[in-house]
PDB file of N, CA and C in Angstrom:
ATOM      1  N   UNK A   1     -17.755 -29.868 121.394  1.00  0.00           N
ATOM      2  CA  UNK A   1     -18.573 -30.377 120.322  1.00  0.00           C
ATOM      3  C   UNK A   1     -18.758 -29.328 119.236  1.00  0.00           C
ATOM      4  N   UNK A   2     -18.874 -28.085 119.586  1.00  0.00           N
ATOM      5  CA  UNK A   2     -19.039 -26.999 118.626  1.00  0.00           C
ATOM      6  C   UNK A   2     -17.797 -26.869 117.751  1.00  0.00           C
ATOM      7  N   UNK A   3     -16.636 -27.074 118.338  1.00  0.00           N
ATOM      8  CA  UNK A   3     -15.394 -26.994 117.558  1.00  0.00           C
ATOM      9  C   UNK A   3     -15.364 -28.061 116.464  1.00  0.00           C
ATOM     10  N   UNK A   4     -15.855 -29.242 116.790  1.00  0.00           N
ATOM     11  CA  UNK A   4     -15.881 -30.324 115.800  1.00  0.00           C
ATOM     12  C   UNK A   4     -16.839 -29.971 114.670  1.00  0.00           C
ATOM     13  N   UNK A   5     -17.995 -29.414 115.011  1.00  0.00           N
ATOM     14  CA  UNK A   5     -18.975 -29.020 113.988  1.00  0.00           C
ATOM     15  C   UNK A   5     -18.384 -27.927 113.100  1.00  0.00           C
ATOM     16  N   UNK A   6     -17.716 -26.944 113.684  1.00  0.00           N
ATOM     17  CA  UNK A   6     -17.087 -25.877 112.893  1.00  0.00           C
ATOM     18  C   UNK A   6     -15.992 -26.439 111.987  1.00  0.00           C
ATOM     19  N   UNK A   7     -15.224 -27.364 112.516  1.00  0.00           N
ATOM     20  CA  UNK A   7     -14.165 -27.987 111.723  1.00  0.00           C
ATOM     21  C   UNK A   7     -14.755 -28.770 110.551  1.00  0.00           C
ATOM     22  N   UNK A   8     -15.828 -29.503 110.810  1.00  0.00           N
ATOM     23  CA  UNK A   8     -16.493 -30.257 109.739  1.00  0.00           C
ATOM     24  C   UNK A   8     -17.078 -29.300 108.707  1.00  0.00           C
ATOM     25  N   UNK A   9     -17.636 -28.180 109.164  1.00  0.00           N
ATOM     26  CA  UNK A   9     -18.204 -27.188 108.244  1.00  0.00           C
ATOM     27  C   UNK A   9     -17.105 -26.589 107.365  1.00  0.00           C
ATOM     28  N   UNK A  10     -15.955 -26.276 107.939  1.00  0.00           N
ATOM     29  CA  UNK A  10     -14.834 -25.749 107.160  1.00  0.00           C
ATOM     30  C   UNK A  10     -14.339 -26.781 106.150  1.00  0.00           C
ATOM     31  N   UNK A  11     -14.292 -28.023 106.598  1.00  0.00           N
ATOM     32  CA  UNK A  11     -13.870 -29.096 105.704  1.00  0.00           C
ATOM     33  C   UNK A  11     -14.852 -29.250 104.543  1.00  0.00           C
ATOM     34  N   UNK A  12     -16.143 -29.149 104.839  1.00  0.00           N
ATOM     35  CA  UNK A  12     -17.164 -29.233 103.795  1.00  0.00           C
ATOM     36  C   UNK A  12     -17.020 -28.086 102.803  1.00  0.00           C
ATOM     37  N   UNK A  13     -16.800 -26.881 103.287  1.00  0.00           N
ATOM     38  CA  UNK A  13     -16.609 -25.723 102.404  1.00  0.00           C
ATOM     39  C   UNK A  13     -15.370 -25.904 101.533  1.00  0.00           C
ATOM     40  N   UNK A  14     -14.302 -26.415 102.126  1.00  0.00           N
ATOM     41  CA  UNK A  14     -13.076 -26.645 101.358  1.00  0.00           C
ATOM     42  C   UNK A  14     -13.322 -27.687 100.268  1.00  0.00           C
ATOM     43  N   UNK A  15     -14.070 -28.724 100.598  1.00  0.00           N
ATOM     44  CA  UNK A  15     -14.373 -29.762  99.601  1.00  0.00           C
ATOM     45  C   UNK A  15     -15.232 -29.206  98.472  1.00  0.00           C
ATOM     46  N   UNK A  16     -16.207 -28.388  98.812  1.00  0.00           N
ATOM     47  CA  UNK A  16     -17.075 -27.795  97.789  1.00  0.00           C
ATOM     48  C   UNK A  16     -16.267 -26.877  96.880  1.00  0.00           C
ATOM     49  N   UNK A  17     -15.389 -26.063  97.466  1.00  0.00           N
ATOM     50  CA  UNK A  17     -14.542 -25.180  96.651  1.00  0.00           C
ATOM     51  C   UNK A  17     -13.606 -25.983  95.755  1.00  0.00           C
ATOM     52  N   UNK A  18     -13.040 -27.046  96.309  1.00  0.00           N
ATOM     53  CA  UNK A  18     -12.136 -27.890  95.518  1.00  0.00           C
ATOM     54  C   UNK A  18     -12.896 -28.559  94.379  1.00  0.00           C
ATOM     55  N   UNK A  19     -14.115 -29.001  94.667  1.00  0.00           N
ATOM     56  CA  UNK A  19     -14.920 -29.640  93.622  1.00  0.00           C
ATOM     57  C   UNK A  19     -15.198 -28.655  92.491  1.00  0.00           C
ATOM     58  N   UNK A  20     -15.517 -27.432  92.840  1.00  0.00           N
ATOM     59  CA  UNK A  20     -15.782 -26.404  91.828  1.00  0.00           C
ATOM     60  C   UNK A  20     -14.520 -26.136  91.010  1.00  0.00           C
ATOM     61  N   UNK A  21     -13.392 -25.980  91.687  1.00  0.00           N
ATOM     62  CA  UNK A  21     -12.125 -25.691  90.995  1.00  0.00           C
ATOM     63  C   UNK A  21     -11.739 -26.845  90.079  1.00  0.00           C
ATOM     64  N   UNK A  22     -11.769 -28.064  90.610  1.00  0.00           N
ATOM     65  CA  UNK A  22     -11.372 -29.220  89.809  1.00  0.00           C
ATOM     66  C   UNK A  22     -12.390 -29.520  88.718  1.00  0.00           C
ATOM     67  N   UNK A  23     -13.638 -29.159  88.955  1.00  0.00           N
ATOM     68  CA  UNK A  23     -14.659 -29.316  87.912  1.00  0.00           C
ATOM     69  C   UNK A  23     -14.348 -28.432  86.719  1.00  0.00           C
ATOM     70  N   UNK A  24     -13.932 -27.185  86.997  1.00  0.00           N
ATOM     71  CA  UNK A  24     -13.551 -26.275  85.913  1.00  0.00           C
ATOM     72  C   UNK A  24     -12.320 -26.801  85.181  1.00  0.00           C
ATOM     73  N   UNK A  25     -11.347 -27.284  85.940  1.00  0.00           N
ATOM     74  CA  UNK A  25     -10.138 -27.839  85.326  1.00  0.00           C
ATOM     75  C   UNK A  25     -10.482 -29.049  84.458  1.00  0.00           C
ATOM     76  N   UNK A  26     -11.385 -29.867  84.937  1.00  0.00           N
ATOM     77  CA  UNK A  26     -11.775 -31.050  84.181  1.00  0.00           C
ATOM     78  C   UNK A  26     -12.468 -30.652  82.881  1.00  0.00           C
ATOM     79  N   UNK A  27     -13.295 -29.627  82.927  1.00  0.00           N
ATOM     80  CA  UNK A  27     -13.958 -29.140  81.715  1.00  0.00           C
ATOM     81  C   UNK A  27     -12.931 -28.619  80.711  1.00  0.00           C
ATOM     82  N   UNK A  28     -11.918 -27.910  81.214  1.00  0.00           N
ATOM     83  CA  UNK A  28     -10.865 -27.411  80.321  1.00  0.00           C
ATOM     84  C   UNK A  28     -10.123 -28.567  79.660  1.00  0.00           C
ATOM     85  N   UNK A  29      -9.830 -29.595  80.445  1.00  0.00           N
ATOM     86  CA  UNK A  29      -9.125 -30.761  79.902  1.00  0.00           C
ATOM     87  C   UNK A  29      -9.993 -31.461  78.858  1.00  0.00           C
ATOM     88  N   UNK A  30     -11.285 -31.591  79.135  1.00  0.00           N
ATOM     89  CA  UNK A  30     -12.191 -32.218  78.166  1.00  0.00           C
ATOM     90  C   UNK A  30     -12.235 -31.421  76.868  1.00  0.00           C
ATOM     91  N   UNK A  31     -12.268 -30.095  76.995  1.00  0.00           N
ATOM     92  CA  UNK A  31     -12.297 -29.238  75.804  1.00  0.00           C
ATOM     93  C   UNK A  31     -11.012 -29.410  74.997  1.00  0.00           C
ATOM     94  N   UNK A  32      -9.869 -29.472  75.681  1.00  0.00           N
ATOM     95  CA  UNK A  32      -8.594 -29.642  74.980  1.00  0.00           C
ATOM     96  C   UNK A  32      -8.527 -31.006  74.299  1.00  0.00           C
ATOM     97  N   UNK A  33      -9.028 -32.034  74.954  1.00  0.00           N
ATOM     98  CA  UNK A  33      -9.055 -33.359  74.343  1.00  0.00           C
ATOM     99  C   UNK A  33      -9.914 -33.360  73.081  1.00  0.00           C
ATOM    100  N   UNK A  34     -11.060 -32.726  73.161  1.00  0.00           N
ATOM    101  CA  UNK A  34     -11.946 -32.646  71.994  1.00  0.00           C
ATOM    102  C   UNK A  34     -11.285 -31.855  70.869  1.00  0.00           C
ATOM    103  N   UNK A  35     -10.631 -30.762  71.236  1.00  0.00           N
ATOM    104  CA  UNK A  35      -9.930 -29.941  70.244  1.00  0.00           C
ATOM    105  C   UNK A  35      -8.815 -30.741  69.569  1.00  0.00           C
ATOM    106  N   UNK A  36      -8.055 -31.479  70.349  1.00  0.00           N
ATOM    107  CA  UNK A  36      -6.983 -32.305  69.787  1.00  0.00           C
ATOM    108  C   UNK A  36      -7.536 -33.402  68.891  1.00  0.00           C
ATOM    109  N   UNK A  37      -8.672 -33.964  69.270  1.00  0.00           N
ATOM    110  CA  UNK A  37      -9.294 -34.997  68.449  1.00  0.00           C
ATOM    111  C   UNK A  37      -9.706 -34.415  67.094  1.00  0.00           C
ATOM    112  N   UNK A  38     -10.273 -33.210  67.109  1.00  0.00           N
ATOM    113  CA  UNK A  38     -10.668 -32.562  65.857  1.00  0.00           C
ATOM    114  C   UNK A  38      -9.449 -32.226  65.005  1.00  0.00           C
ATOM    115  N   UNK A  39      -8.375 -31.777  65.633  1.00  0.00           N
ATOM    116  CA  UNK A  39      -7.148 -31.473  64.886  1.00  0.00           C
ATOM    117  C   UNK A  39      -6.582 -32.735  64.245  1.00  0.00           C
ATOM    118  N   UNK A  40      -6.592 -33.822  64.994  1.00  0.00           N
ATOM    119  CA  UNK A  40      -6.075 -35.086  64.461  1.00  0.00           C
ATOM    120  C   UNK A  40      -6.911 -35.545  63.272  1.00  0.00           C
ATOM    121  N   UNK A  41      -8.227 -35.427  63.398  1.00  0.00           N
ATOM    122  CA  UNK A  41      -9.112 -35.821  62.307  1.00  0.00           C
ATOM    123  C   UNK A  41      -8.873 -34.941  61.081  1.00  0.00           C
ATOM    124  N   UNK A  42      -8.718 -33.652  61.299  1.00  0.00           N
ATOM    125  CA  UNK A  42      -8.454 -32.730  60.197  1.00  0.00           C
ATOM    126  C   UNK A  42      -7.122 -33.044  59.530  1.00  0.00           C
ATOM    127  N   UNK A  43      -6.106 -33.327  60.324  1.00  0.00           N
ATOM    128  CA  UNK A  43      -4.791 -33.664  59.771  1.00  0.00           C
ATOM    129  C   UNK A  43      -4.861 -34.960  58.974  1.00  0.00           C
ATOM    130  N   UNK A  44      -5.625 -35.916  59.453  1.00  0.00           N
ATOM    131  CA  UNK A  44      -5.772 -37.188  58.741  1.00  0.00           C
ATOM    132  C   UNK A  44      -6.462 -36.961  57.394  1.00  0.00           C
ATOM    133  N   UNK A  45      -7.501 -36.122  57.379  1.00  0.00           N
ATOM    134  CA  UNK A  45      -8.200 -35.826  56.131  1.00  0.00           C
ATOM    135  C   UNK A  45      -7.286 -35.106  55.151  1.00  0.00           C
ATOM    136  N   UNK A  46      -6.513 -34.151  55.642  1.00  0.00           N
ATOM    137  CA  UNK A  46      -5.582 -33.442  54.766  1.00  0.00           C
ATOM    138  C   UNK A  46      -4.533 -34.385  54.203  1.00  0.00           C
ATOM    139  N   UNK A  47      -4.073 -35.305  55.011  1.00  0.00           N
ATOM    140  CA  UNK A  47      -3.089 -36.280  54.553  1.00  0.00           C
ATOM    141  C   UNK A  47      -3.672 -37.152  53.446  1.00  0.00           C
ATOM    142  N   UNK A  48      -4.895 -37.606  53.629  1.00  0.00           N
ATOM    143  CA  UNK A  48      -5.544 -38.426  52.608  1.00  0.00           C
ATOM    144  C   UNK A  48      -5.746 -37.639  51.321  1.00  0.00           C
ATOM    145  N   UNK A  49      -6.158 -36.379  51.441  1.00  0.00           N
ATOM    146  CA  UNK A  49      -6.350 -35.548  50.253  1.00  0.00           C
ATOM    147  C   UNK A  49      -5.029 -35.320  49.530  1.00  0.00           C
ATOM    148  N   UNK A  50      -3.978 -35.087  50.274  1.00  0.00           N
ATOM    149  CA  UNK A  50      -2.660 -34.884  49.668  1.00  0.00           C
ATOM    150  C   UNK A  50      -2.198 -36.148  48.951  1.00  0.00           C
ATOM    151  N   UNK A  51      -2.440 -37.285  49.564  1.00  0.00           N
ATOM    152  CA  UNK A  51      -2.049 -38.556  48.950  1.00  0.00           C
ATOM    153  C   UNK A  51      -2.803 -38.766  47.645  1.00  0.00           C
ATOM    154  N   UNK A  52      -4.106 -38.490  47.647  1.00  0.00           N
ATOM    155  CA  UNK A  52      -4.903 -38.636  46.431  1.00  0.00           C
ATOM    156  C   UNK A  52      -4.432 -37.665  45.355  1.00  0.00           C
ATOM    157  N   UNK A  53      -4.116 -36.434  45.754  1.00  0.00           N
ATOM    158  CA  UNK A  53      -3.636 -35.441  44.788  1.00  0.00           C
ATOM    159  C   UNK A  53      -2.302 -35.876  44.193  1.00  0.00           C
ATOM    160  N   UNK A  54      -1.414 -36.418  45.016  1.00  0.00           N
ATOM    161  CA  UNK A  54      -0.121 -36.889  44.511  1.00  0.00           C
ATOM    162  C   UNK A  54      -0.307 -38.047  43.537  1.00  0.00           C
ATOM    163  N   UNK A  55      -1.212 -38.956  43.851  1.00  0.00           N
ATOM    164  CA  UNK A  55      -1.475 -40.073  42.948  1.00  0.00           C
ATOM    165  C   UNK A  55      -2.035 -39.577  41.621  1.00  0.00           C
ATOM    166  N   UNK A  56      -2.947 -38.605  41.674  1.00  0.00           N
ATOM    167  CA  UNK A  56      -3.525 -38.051  40.451  1.00  0.00           C
ATOM    168  C   UNK A  56      -2.458 -37.343  39.623  1.00  0.00           C
ATOM    169  N   UNK A  57      -1.604 -36.566  40.284  1.00  0.00           N
ATOM    170  CA  UNK A  57      -0.538 -35.861  39.563  1.00  0.00           C
ATOM    171  C   UNK A  57       0.447 -36.852  38.952  1.00  0.00           C
ATOM    172  N   UNK A  58       0.754 -37.914  39.659  1.00  0.00           N
ATOM    173  CA  UNK A  58       1.664 -38.935  39.141  1.00  0.00           C
ATOM    174  C   UNK A  58       1.069 -39.592  37.899  1.00  0.00           C
ATOM    175  N   UNK A  59      -0.213 -39.886  37.957  1.00  0.00           N
ATOM    176  CA  UNK A  59      -0.888 -40.486  36.807  1.00  0.00           C
ATOM    177  C   UNK A  59      -0.882 -39.529  35.619  1.00  0.00           C
ATOM    178  N   UNK A  60      -1.168 -38.254  35.863  1.00  0.00           N
ATOM    179  CA  UNK A  60      -1.149 -37.263  34.787  1.00  0.00           C
ATOM    180  C   UNK A  60       0.245 -37.141  34.191  1.00  0.00           C
ATOM    181  N   UNK A  61       1.263 -37.177  35.029  1.00  0.00           N
ATOM    182  CA  UNK A  61       2.628 -37.067  34.537  1.00  0.00           C
ATOM    183  C   UNK A  61       2.986 -38.268  33.659  1.00  0.00           C
ATOM    184  N   UNK A  62       2.592 -39.454  34.080  1.00  0.00           N
ATOM    185  CA  UNK A  62       2.850 -40.644  33.268  1.00  0.00           C
ATOM    186  C   UNK A  62       2.138 -40.553  31.927  1.00  0.00           C
ATOM    187  N   UNK A  63       0.888 -40.086  31.943  1.00  0.00           N
ATOM    188  CA  UNK A  63       0.142 -39.935  30.695  1.00  0.00           C
ATOM    189  C   UNK A  63       0.803 -38.903  29.789  1.00  0.00           C
ATOM    190  N   UNK A  64       1.273 -37.803  30.371  1.00  0.00           N
ATOM    191  CA  UNK A  64       1.946 -36.775  29.580  1.00  0.00           C
ATOM    192  C   UNK A  64       3.251 -37.310  28.998  1.00  0.00           C
ATOM    193  N   UNK A  65       3.987 -38.096  29.770  1.00  0.00           N
ATOM    194  CA  UNK A  65       5.231 -38.679  29.265  1.00  0.00           C
ATOM    195  C   UNK A  65       4.949 -39.662  28.130  1.00  0.00           C
ATOM    196  N   UNK A  66       3.897 -40.460  28.276  1.00  0.00           N
ATOM    197  CA  UNK A  66       3.529 -41.391  27.206  1.00  0.00           C
ATOM    198  C   UNK A  66       3.134 -40.634  25.939  1.00  0.00           C
ATOM    199  N   UNK A  67       2.345 -39.569  26.103  1.00  0.00           N
ATOM    200  CA  UNK A  67       1.937 -38.771  24.943  1.00  0.00           C
ATOM    201  C   UNK A  67       3.150 -38.126  24.290  1.00  0.00           C
ATOM    202  N   UNK A  68       4.082 -37.622  25.087  1.00  0.00           N
ATOM    203  CA  UNK A  68       5.297 -37.013  24.544  1.00  0.00           C
ATOM    204  C   UNK A  68       6.121 -38.049  23.781  1.00  0.00           C
ATOM    205  N   UNK A  69       6.252 -39.242  24.350  1.00  0.00           N
ATOM    206  CA  UNK A  69       7.033 -40.290  23.690  1.00  0.00           C
ATOM    207  C   UNK A  69       6.387 -40.686  22.367  1.00  0.00           C
ATOM    208  N   UNK A  70       5.062 -40.822  22.358  1.00  0.00           N
ATOM    209  CA  UNK A  70       4.367 -41.158  21.115  1.00  0.00           C
ATOM    210  C   UNK A  70       4.557 -40.061  20.080  1.00  0.00           C
ATOM    211  N   UNK A  71       4.473 -38.803  20.523  1.00  0.00           N
ATOM    212  CA  UNK A  71       4.657 -37.686  19.594  1.00  0.00           C
ATOM    213  C   UNK A  71       6.075 -37.679  19.040  1.00  0.00           C
ATOM    214  N   UNK A  72       7.051 -37.928  19.876  1.00  0.00           N
ATOM    215  CA  UNK A  72       8.444 -37.948  19.411  1.00  0.00           C
ATOM    216  C   UNK A  72       8.694 -39.130  18.474  1.00  0.00           C
ATOM    217  N   UNK A  73       8.074 -40.269  18.762  1.00  0.00           N
ATOM    218  CA  UNK A  73       8.245 -41.436  17.901  1.00  0.00           C
ATOM    219  C   UNK A  73       7.565 -41.242  16.546  1.00  0.00           C
ATOM    220  N   UNK A  74       6.506 -40.449  16.507  1.00  0.00           N
ATOM    221  CA  UNK A  74       5.792 -40.252  15.245  1.00  0.00           C
ATOM    222  C   UNK A  74       6.449 -39.198  14.355  1.00  0.00           C
ATOM    223  N   UNK A  75       7.399 -38.429  14.888  1.00  0.00           N
ATOM    224  CA  UNK A  75       8.102 -37.448  14.054  1.00  0.00           C
ATOM    225  C   UNK A  75       8.985 -38.184  13.046  1.00  0.00           C
ATOM    226  N   UNK A  76       8.965 -37.736  11.817  1.00  0.00           N
ATOM    227  CA  UNK A  76       9.832 -38.388  10.826  1.00  0.00           C
ATOM    228  C   UNK A  76      11.289 -38.012  11.055  1.00  0.00           C
ATOM    229  N   UNK A  77      12.171 -38.947  10.725  1.00  0.00           N
ATOM    230  CA  UNK A  77      13.601 -38.658  10.857  1.00  0.00           C
ATOM    231  C   UNK A  77      14.049 -37.837   9.650  1.00  0.00           C
ATOM    232  N   UNK A  78      15.306 -37.476   9.634  1.00  0.00           N
ATOM    233  CA  UNK A  78      15.825 -36.659   8.540  1.00  0.00           C
ATOM    234  C   UNK A  78      15.674 -37.331   7.189  1.00  0.00           C
ATOM    235  N   UNK A  79      15.976 -38.616   7.084  1.00  0.00           N
ATOM    236  CA  UNK A  79      15.874 -39.324   5.806  1.00  0.00           C
ATOM    237  C   UNK A  79      14.423 -39.505   5.399  1.00  0.00           C
ATOM    238  N   UNK A  80      13.548 -39.721   6.380  1.00  0.00           N
ATOM    239  CA  UNK A  80      12.130 -39.883   6.051  1.00  0.00           C
ATOM    240  C   UNK A  80      11.542 -38.582   5.537  1.00  0.00           C
ATOM    241  N   UNK A  81      12.064 -37.455   6.010  1.00  0.00           N
ATOM    242  CA  UNK A  81      11.532 -36.159   5.592  1.00  0.00           C
ATOM    243  C   UNK A  81      11.819 -35.898   4.113  1.00  0.00           C
ATOM    244  N   UNK A  82      12.945 -36.366   3.641  1.00  0.00           N
ATOM    245  CA  UNK A  82      13.272 -36.101   2.236  1.00  0.00           C
ATOM    246  C   UNK A  82      12.926 -37.295   1.351  1.00  0.00           C
ATOM    247  N   UNK A  83      12.273 -38.278   1.943  1.00  0.00           N
ATOM    248  CA  UNK A  83      11.788 -39.407   1.175  1.00  0.00           C
ATOM    249  C   UNK A  83      12.850 -40.389   0.763  1.00  0.00           C
ATOM    250  N   UNK A  84      13.930 -40.486   1.500  1.00  0.00           N
ATOM    251  CA  UNK A  84      15.017 -41.383   1.140  1.00  0.00           C
ATOM    252  C   UNK A  84      14.994 -42.692   1.935  1.00  0.00           C
ATOM    253  N   UNK A  85      14.033 -42.886   2.745  1.00  0.00           N
ATOM    254  CA  UNK A  85      14.041 -44.088   3.567  1.00  0.00           C
ATOM    255  C   UNK A  85      12.944 -45.024   3.143  1.00  0.00           C
TER     256      UNK A  85
END
């Protein structure tokens, strides 16, 4: 009977040690999951900011092209400069 009690005690100690070890591993996994979630959120925000910046730059470029075209169209031609047109 004593052997059974000792065996059960050893089994209990092994279970407690395993619980402690796996508890630490589980905490590490939870931390990594949280870290990955934050990285994903940060990457998503950066992507949105980049998209907005590209849209703004595209709009500015179109406005600059329109202004350039208007300026070029308003320049007098050679005949207009000498008053022959």
